[in-house]
């Protein structure tokens, strides 16, 4: 069986700023989840889901301790996942303001390329 890999990239420091604010336990779970994204051909929806009604946005889904966290991202050139921003989820639905922010960041990413 061949080795499968996705690359993970970042746009500016939005994800990093979010990541560094998290507890050690949450950061470890984020690291573990990103490893699954990189190395698993078919990622279970429990960890990675396409957001409908958006312009190609996906969410990385993390559950750690008593918290639920999301990292919004998109695919660039096939197997490169660009992480945009993260937040702690407090409601059932992904907040519209987070989706709007991610869509704006994605547009900036392509405008600056």
N, C-alpha and C. Protein backbone atom coordinates (compact mmCIF):
# COMPACT_ATOMS: atom_id res chain seq x y z
N UNK A 1 0.84 -1.18 0.00
CA UNK A 1 0.00 0.00 0.00
C UNK A 1 0.89 1.24 0.00
N UNK A 2 0.63 2.15 -0.94
CA UNK A 2 1.44 3.36 -1.05
C UNK A 2 1.17 4.31 0.10
N UNK A 3 2.14 5.17 0.34
CA UNK A 3 1.98 6.15 1.40
C UNK A 3 1.13 7.31 0.89
N UNK A 4 0.14 7.68 1.68
CA UNK A 4 -0.72 8.80 1.30
C UNK A 4 -0.41 9.99 2.17
N UNK A 5 -0.26 11.15 1.55
CA UNK A 5 0.05 12.35 2.34
C UNK A 5 -0.71 13.55 1.80
N UNK A 6 -1.21 14.35 2.72
CA UNK A 6 -1.70 15.68 2.39
C UNK A 6 -0.73 16.65 3.04
N UNK A 7 -0.57 17.78 2.44
CA UNK A 7 0.23 18.82 3.09
C UNK A 7 -0.72 19.73 3.84
N UNK A 8 -0.21 20.31 4.91
CA UNK A 8 -1.01 21.28 5.65
C UNK A 8 -0.25 22.60 5.65
N UNK A 9 -0.95 23.63 5.21
CA UNK A 9 -0.35 24.96 5.17
C UNK A 9 -1.18 25.91 6.03
N UNK A 10 -0.70 27.13 6.13
CA UNK A 10 -1.37 28.12 6.98
C UNK A 10 -1.46 29.43 6.22
N UNK A 11 -2.51 30.16 6.47
CA UNK A 11 -2.60 31.51 5.92
C UNK A 11 -2.37 32.49 7.06
N UNK A 12 -1.31 33.27 6.95
CA UNK A 12 -0.93 34.24 7.98
C UNK A 12 -0.86 33.54 9.34
N UNK A 13 -1.18 34.27 10.42
CA UNK A 13 -1.04 33.68 11.76
C UNK A 13 -2.36 33.37 12.44
N UNK A 14 -3.46 33.37 11.68
CA UNK A 14 -4.78 33.20 12.30
C UNK A 14 -4.89 31.87 13.05
N UNK A 15 -4.49 30.78 12.39
CA UNK A 15 -4.55 29.48 13.06
C UNK A 15 -3.57 29.42 14.22
N UNK A 16 -2.35 29.88 14.00
CA UNK A 16 -1.31 29.82 15.04
C UNK A 16 -1.74 30.60 16.29
N UNK A 17 -2.32 31.78 16.10
CA UNK A 17 -2.78 32.57 17.25
C UNK A 17 -3.82 31.80 18.05
N UNK A 18 -4.76 31.16 17.35
CA UNK A 18 -5.78 30.35 18.00
C UNK A 18 -5.13 29.17 18.74
N UNK A 19 -4.23 28.48 18.06
CA UNK A 19 -3.57 27.29 18.61
C UNK A 19 -2.81 27.61 19.90
N UNK A 20 -2.07 28.70 19.88
CA UNK A 20 -1.24 29.04 21.04
C UNK A 20 -2.06 29.44 22.26
N UNK A 21 -3.31 29.83 22.07
CA UNK A 21 -4.19 30.19 23.20
C UNK A 21 -4.78 28.97 23.89
N UNK A 22 -4.67 27.80 23.25
CA UNK A 22 -5.32 26.60 23.78
C UNK A 22 -4.47 25.93 24.85
N UNK A 23 -5.14 25.13 25.68
CA UNK A 23 -4.43 24.38 26.71
C UNK A 23 -3.58 23.30 26.05
N UNK A 24 -2.66 22.74 26.80
CA UNK A 24 -1.80 21.67 26.31
C UNK A 24 -2.64 20.49 25.78
N UNK A 25 -3.67 20.11 26.53
CA UNK A 25 -4.52 18.98 26.14
C UNK A 25 -5.19 19.24 24.78
N UNK A 26 -5.71 20.44 24.60
CA UNK A 26 -6.38 20.79 23.34
C UNK A 26 -5.36 20.81 22.19
N UNK A 27 -4.17 21.38 22.45
CA UNK A 27 -3.14 21.42 21.39
C UNK A 27 -2.73 20.02 20.98
N UNK A 28 -2.59 19.11 21.94
CA UNK A 28 -2.23 17.72 21.61
C UNK A 28 -3.30 17.08 20.72
N UNK A 29 -4.57 17.36 21.05
CA UNK A 29 -5.67 16.78 20.27
C UNK A 29 -5.70 17.40 18.86
N UNK A 30 -5.42 18.70 18.75
CA UNK A 30 -5.33 19.34 17.43
C UNK A 30 -4.21 18.69 16.62
N UNK A 31 -3.04 18.51 17.24
CA UNK A 31 -1.90 17.88 16.56
C UNK A 31 -2.28 16.49 16.05
N UNK A 32 -2.93 15.71 16.91
CA UNK A 32 -3.33 14.34 16.57
C UNK A 32 -4.31 14.35 15.40
N UNK A 33 -5.28 15.26 15.44
CA UNK A 33 -6.29 15.34 14.38
C UNK A 33 -5.65 15.76 13.06
N UNK A 34 -4.73 16.71 13.10
CA UNK A 34 -4.05 17.14 11.87
C UNK A 34 -3.21 16.01 11.28
N UNK A 35 -2.66 15.16 12.15
CA UNK A 35 -1.91 13.99 11.69
C UNK A 35 -2.82 13.03 10.92
N UNK A 36 -4.03 12.84 11.41
CA UNK A 36 -5.02 12.00 10.70
C UNK A 36 -5.29 12.61 9.32
N UNK A 37 -5.48 13.92 9.26
CA UNK A 37 -5.75 14.60 8.00
C UNK A 37 -4.61 14.39 7.02
N UNK A 38 -3.39 14.42 7.50
CA UNK A 38 -2.23 14.28 6.62
C UNK A 38 -2.08 12.87 6.08
N UNK A 39 -2.38 11.88 6.91
CA UNK A 39 -1.98 10.51 6.58
C UNK A 39 -3.11 9.55 6.24
N UNK A 40 -4.36 10.00 6.30
CA UNK A 40 -5.48 9.09 6.04
C UNK A 40 -6.17 9.50 4.76
N UNK A 41 -6.30 8.55 3.84
CA UNK A 41 -6.91 8.86 2.54
C UNK A 41 -8.36 9.30 2.70
N UNK A 42 -9.15 8.51 3.44
CA UNK A 42 -10.56 8.87 3.66
C UNK A 42 -10.70 9.21 5.14
N UNK A 43 -10.82 10.49 5.42
CA UNK A 43 -10.90 10.95 6.81
C UNK A 43 -12.35 10.87 7.27
N UNK A 44 -12.61 10.23 8.41
CA UNK A 44 -13.99 10.16 8.92
C UNK A 44 -14.58 11.56 9.15
N UNK A 45 -15.86 11.69 8.87
CA UNK A 45 -16.56 12.96 9.02
C UNK A 45 -16.48 13.49 10.46
N UNK A 46 -16.27 12.59 11.38
CA UNK A 46 -16.11 12.99 12.79
C UNK A 46 -14.96 13.97 12.96
N UNK A 47 -13.96 13.91 12.06
CA UNK A 47 -12.77 14.76 12.17
C UNK A 47 -12.67 15.84 11.10
N UNK A 48 -13.36 15.65 9.98
CA UNK A 48 -13.16 16.55 8.83
C UNK A 48 -14.41 16.55 7.99
N UNK A 49 -15.02 17.73 7.82
CA UNK A 49 -16.31 17.78 7.13
C UNK A 49 -16.38 18.97 6.20
N UNK A 50 -16.97 18.74 5.04
CA UNK A 50 -17.20 19.83 4.09
C UNK A 50 -18.37 20.65 4.60
N UNK A 51 -18.22 21.97 4.61
CA UNK A 51 -19.31 22.84 5.05
C UNK A 51 -20.17 23.18 3.84
N UNK A 52 -21.42 22.79 3.87
CA UNK A 52 -22.30 23.08 2.75
C UNK A 52 -22.64 24.57 2.75
N UNK A 53 -23.05 25.06 1.62
CA UNK A 53 -23.43 26.48 1.45
C UNK A 53 -22.28 27.44 1.73
N UNK A 54 -21.05 26.98 1.52
CA UNK A 54 -19.89 27.87 1.62
C UNK A 54 -19.10 27.73 0.33
N UNK A 55 -18.14 28.58 0.17
CA UNK A 55 -17.30 28.55 -1.03
C UNK A 55 -16.12 27.60 -0.81
N UNK A 56 -16.41 26.30 -0.73
CA UNK A 56 -15.34 25.31 -0.61
C UNK A 56 -14.66 25.24 0.75
N UNK A 57 -15.35 25.64 1.79
CA UNK A 57 -14.75 25.56 3.13
C UNK A 57 -14.99 24.18 3.75
N UNK A 58 -14.02 23.77 4.54
CA UNK A 58 -14.09 22.53 5.32
C UNK A 58 -13.85 22.90 6.77
N UNK A 59 -14.27 22.00 7.68
CA UNK A 59 -13.92 22.22 9.08
C UNK A 59 -13.22 20.99 9.63
N UNK A 60 -12.13 21.26 10.34
CA UNK A 60 -11.43 20.23 11.11
C UNK A 60 -12.15 20.21 12.45
N UNK A 61 -12.57 19.03 12.86
CA UNK A 61 -13.42 18.92 14.05
C UNK A 61 -12.63 18.28 15.20
N UNK A 62 -12.55 19.01 16.30
CA UNK A 62 -11.79 18.55 17.45
C UNK A 62 -12.66 18.59 18.70
N UNK A 63 -12.61 17.49 19.42
CA UNK A 63 -13.32 17.42 20.69
C UNK A 63 -12.27 17.08 21.73
N UNK A 64 -12.08 17.98 22.69
CA UNK A 64 -11.04 17.75 23.70
C UNK A 64 -11.52 18.25 25.05
N UNK A 65 -11.34 17.44 26.05
CA UNK A 65 -11.83 17.80 27.37
C UNK A 65 -13.33 18.03 27.30
N UNK A 66 -13.78 19.17 27.79
CA UNK A 66 -15.21 19.49 27.72
C UNK A 66 -15.51 20.41 26.53
N UNK A 67 -14.51 20.66 25.69
CA UNK A 67 -14.69 21.63 24.61
C UNK A 67 -14.78 21.00 23.23
N UNK A 68 -15.47 21.72 22.36
CA UNK A 68 -15.55 21.34 20.95
C UNK A 68 -14.94 22.50 20.17
N UNK A 69 -13.99 22.18 19.32
CA UNK A 69 -13.26 23.20 18.59
C UNK A 69 -13.36 22.93 17.09
N UNK A 70 -13.27 24.00 16.31
CA UNK A 70 -13.31 23.89 14.86
C UNK A 70 -12.18 24.73 14.26
N UNK A 71 -11.58 24.20 13.20
CA UNK A 71 -10.61 24.95 12.43
C UNK A 71 -11.14 24.97 11.00
N UNK A 72 -11.37 26.17 10.47
CA UNK A 72 -11.89 26.29 9.12
C UNK A 72 -10.72 26.32 8.15
N UNK A 73 -10.91 25.65 7.00
CA UNK A 73 -9.82 25.50 6.04
C UNK A 73 -10.38 25.27 4.64
N UNK A 74 -9.49 25.14 3.68
CA UNK A 74 -9.88 24.81 2.30
C UNK A 74 -8.73 24.10 1.61
N UNK A 75 -9.03 23.50 0.47
CA UNK A 75 -8.01 22.82 -0.32
C UNK A 75 -7.43 23.77 -1.35
N UNK A 76 -6.11 23.78 -1.47
CA UNK A 76 -5.43 24.52 -2.52
C UNK A 76 -4.63 23.50 -3.32
N UNK A 77 -4.78 23.49 -4.62
CA UNK A 77 -4.04 22.56 -5.49
C UNK A 77 -4.11 21.13 -4.99
N UNK A 78 -5.29 20.56 -4.98
CA UNK A 78 -5.42 19.14 -4.68
C UNK A 78 -5.23 18.76 -3.24
N UNK A 79 -4.02 18.36 -2.87
CA UNK A 79 -3.81 17.79 -1.53
C UNK A 79 -3.21 18.74 -0.51
N UNK A 80 -3.28 20.04 -0.75
CA UNK A 80 -2.79 20.99 0.25
C UNK A 80 -3.99 21.57 0.99
N UNK A 81 -4.00 21.41 2.30
CA UNK A 81 -5.07 21.97 3.12
C UNK A 81 -4.52 23.25 3.76
N UNK A 82 -5.20 24.37 3.51
CA UNK A 82 -4.78 25.64 4.10
C UNK A 82 -5.67 25.93 5.31
N UNK A 83 -5.05 25.96 6.49
CA UNK A 83 -5.79 26.25 7.72
C UNK A 83 -5.96 27.77 7.84
N UNK A 84 -7.19 28.18 8.13
CA UNK A 84 -7.48 29.61 8.22
C UNK A 84 -7.59 30.07 9.66
N UNK A 85 -8.68 29.72 10.32
CA UNK A 85 -8.93 30.23 11.66
C UNK A 85 -9.58 29.14 12.50
N UNK A 86 -9.46 29.29 13.80
CA UNK A 86 -10.07 28.32 14.71
C UNK A 86 -10.91 29.02 15.74
N UNK A 87 -11.82 28.26 16.34
CA UNK A 87 -12.67 28.82 17.40
C UNK A 87 -13.23 27.68 18.23
N UNK A 88 -13.70 28.02 19.43
CA UNK A 88 -14.38 27.04 20.26
C UNK A 88 -15.85 27.11 19.93
N UNK A 89 -16.43 25.96 19.69
CA UNK A 89 -17.83 25.90 19.28
C UNK A 89 -18.71 25.87 20.53
N UNK A 90 -19.71 26.73 20.56
CA UNK A 90 -20.59 26.80 21.73
C UNK A 90 -22.05 26.49 21.38
N UNK A 91 -22.34 26.39 20.08
CA UNK A 91 -23.71 26.10 19.64
C UNK A 91 -23.67 24.96 18.62
N UNK A 92 -24.83 24.45 18.27
CA UNK A 92 -24.96 23.36 17.31
C UNK A 92 -24.39 23.76 15.95
N UNK A 93 -24.79 24.94 15.48
CA UNK A 93 -24.37 25.38 14.15
C UNK A 93 -23.05 26.14 14.21
N UNK A 94 -22.30 26.06 13.11
CA UNK A 94 -21.08 26.85 13.01
C UNK A 94 -21.50 28.32 12.85
N UNK A 95 -21.00 29.20 13.72
CA UNK A 95 -21.43 30.61 13.67
C UNK A 95 -21.16 31.25 12.30
N UNK A 96 -22.15 31.99 11.82
CA UNK A 96 -22.04 32.65 10.51
C UNK A 96 -20.84 33.59 10.45
N UNK A 97 -20.56 34.26 11.57
CA UNK A 97 -19.44 35.22 11.55
C UNK A 97 -18.10 34.50 11.33
N UNK A 98 -17.99 33.27 11.84
CA UNK A 98 -16.76 32.49 11.64
C UNK A 98 -16.64 32.07 10.17
N UNK A 99 -17.77 31.69 9.57
CA UNK A 99 -17.77 31.30 8.16
C UNK A 99 -17.41 32.50 7.29
N UNK A 100 -18.04 33.65 7.59
CA UNK A 100 -17.74 34.88 6.83
C UNK A 100 -16.26 35.24 6.93
N UNK A 101 -15.72 35.14 8.15
CA UNK A 101 -14.31 35.44 8.35
C UNK A 101 -13.43 34.51 7.52
N UNK A 102 -13.74 33.21 7.55
CA UNK A 102 -12.95 32.23 6.80
C UNK A 102 -13.05 32.49 5.30
N UNK A 103 -14.24 32.84 4.82
CA UNK A 103 -14.40 33.13 3.39
C UNK A 103 -13.58 34.36 3.00
N UNK A 104 -13.54 35.35 3.89
CA UNK A 104 -12.75 36.56 3.63
C UNK A 104 -11.25 36.21 3.58
N UNK A 105 -10.80 35.40 4.54
CA UNK A 105 -9.39 35.01 4.59
C UNK A 105 -9.00 34.19 3.36
N UNK A 106 -9.91 33.31 2.92
CA UNK A 106 -9.63 32.50 1.73
C UNK A 106 -9.48 33.40 0.51
N UNK A 107 -10.35 34.39 0.38
CA UNK A 107 -10.27 35.33 -0.73
C UNK A 107 -8.94 36.09 -0.69
N UNK A 108 -8.56 36.57 0.51
CA UNK A 108 -7.29 37.27 0.68
C UNK A 108 -6.13 36.37 0.27
N UNK A 109 -6.19 35.10 0.67
CA UNK A 109 -5.13 34.14 0.36
C UNK A 109 -4.91 34.09 -1.15
N UNK A 110 -6.01 33.95 -1.91
CA UNK A 110 -5.88 33.87 -3.37
C UNK A 110 -5.49 35.22 -3.98
N UNK A 111 -5.99 36.31 -3.42
CA UNK A 111 -5.63 37.64 -3.92
C UNK A 111 -4.14 37.90 -3.74
N UNK A 112 -3.56 37.37 -2.67
CA UNK A 112 -2.14 37.62 -2.36
C UNK A 112 -1.19 36.62 -3.00
N UNK A 113 -1.72 35.60 -3.65
CA UNK A 113 -0.87 34.56 -4.23
C UNK A 113 -0.11 35.06 -5.43
